[in-house]
Protein backbone atom coordinates (compact mmCIF):
# COMPACT_ATOMS: atom_id res chain seq x y z
CA MET A 1 18.73 -19.78 7.75
CA LYS A 2 17.13 -16.72 8.14
CA LYS A 3 18.62 -13.63 6.36
CA GLU A 4 19.25 -10.00 7.94
CA ILE A 5 16.59 -7.42 6.77
CA ARG A 6 17.71 -4.02 7.96
CA GLN A 7 15.17 -0.59 7.18
CA ILE A 8 17.59 2.01 6.82
CA ALA A 9 15.05 4.87 6.61
CA CYS A 10 11.60 5.32 5.72
CA CYS A 11 9.52 8.63 4.37
CA LEU A 12 5.54 8.00 4.79
CA VAL A 13 3.16 10.89 4.02
CA TYR A 14 -0.78 10.12 3.97
CA ASN A 15 -1.65 12.12 1.55
CA GLY A 16 -1.79 9.77 -1.40
CA GLN A 17 1.92 10.59 -1.79
CA PRO A 18 4.27 7.62 -2.39
CA CYS A 19 6.06 6.38 0.23
CA HIS A 20 9.72 5.58 0.50
CA TRP A 21 11.90 3.26 2.27
CA VAL A 22 15.67 2.57 2.36
CA ILE A 23 16.28 -0.72 2.57
CA LYS A 24 19.51 -3.16 2.91
CA ALA A 25 18.38 -6.86 2.30
CA GLU A 26 19.84 -9.93 -0.24
CA LEU A 27 18.53 -8.81 -3.52
CA ASP A 28 16.31 -12.56 -3.87
CA GLN A 29 14.66 -11.36 -0.14
CA LEU A 30 13.56 -7.84 -1.39
CA SER A 31 10.34 -8.70 -2.15
CA LEU A 32 9.86 -10.65 1.36
CA ALA A 33 11.27 -7.40 2.58
CA ILE A 34 8.74 -5.09 1.55
CA LYS A 35 6.02 -7.54 2.07
CA LYS A 36 6.52 -8.00 5.84
CA ILE A 37 6.79 -4.33 6.00
CA ASN A 38 3.44 -3.55 4.13
CA ILE A 39 1.67 -6.39 6.19
CA LYS A 40 2.75 -4.57 9.97
CA LEU A 41 2.90 -1.06 8.70
CA ALA A 42 -0.89 -1.83 7.48
CA MET A 43 -1.81 -4.01 10.81
CA ILE A 44 -0.76 -0.99 12.56
CA TYR A 45 -2.21 1.76 10.97
CA ASN A 46 -5.69 -0.03 10.56
CA ARG A 47 -5.87 -0.76 14.17
CA ASP A 48 -4.75 3.14 15.03
CA GLN A 49 -7.37 4.02 12.49
CA ASN A 50 -10.21 1.51 13.42
CA MET A 51 -10.57 0.22 9.18
CA VAL A 52 -9.38 -2.77 7.55
CA GLY A 53 -7.48 -3.37 4.13
CA HIS A 54 -4.59 -2.47 2.11
CA VAL A 55 -3.08 0.91 3.24
CA PHE A 56 -0.73 1.94 -0.40
CA PRO A 57 -2.77 1.40 -3.28
CA ASP A 58 -0.35 0.26 -5.36
CA ARG A 59 2.73 -2.60 -5.82
CA PHE A 60 6.30 -1.42 -4.77
CA LYS A 61 9.01 -0.62 -7.45
CA SER A 62 12.34 -0.54 -6.67
CA ILE A 63 14.01 1.54 -8.38
C-alpha cells in the first residue's frame, strides 16, 4: 500500500544556508519522503547546472 506524502511548503536558498520544507507524511515515511525530495531536487539542479553529485552536504534534521 502506497502512503501519501505531501509537500506543503518549501524554502530553498542556494548560498550555503539550510533549506526548509513543511511535509505532511506518516512518521514512518518521513525519511523516505526526504530521500525522494533530495534525489529529485539533485537531478533537476544537476541537469540545469551541468553538475553531478549531492546538492546538500549535510543530512536532514527533523525538528
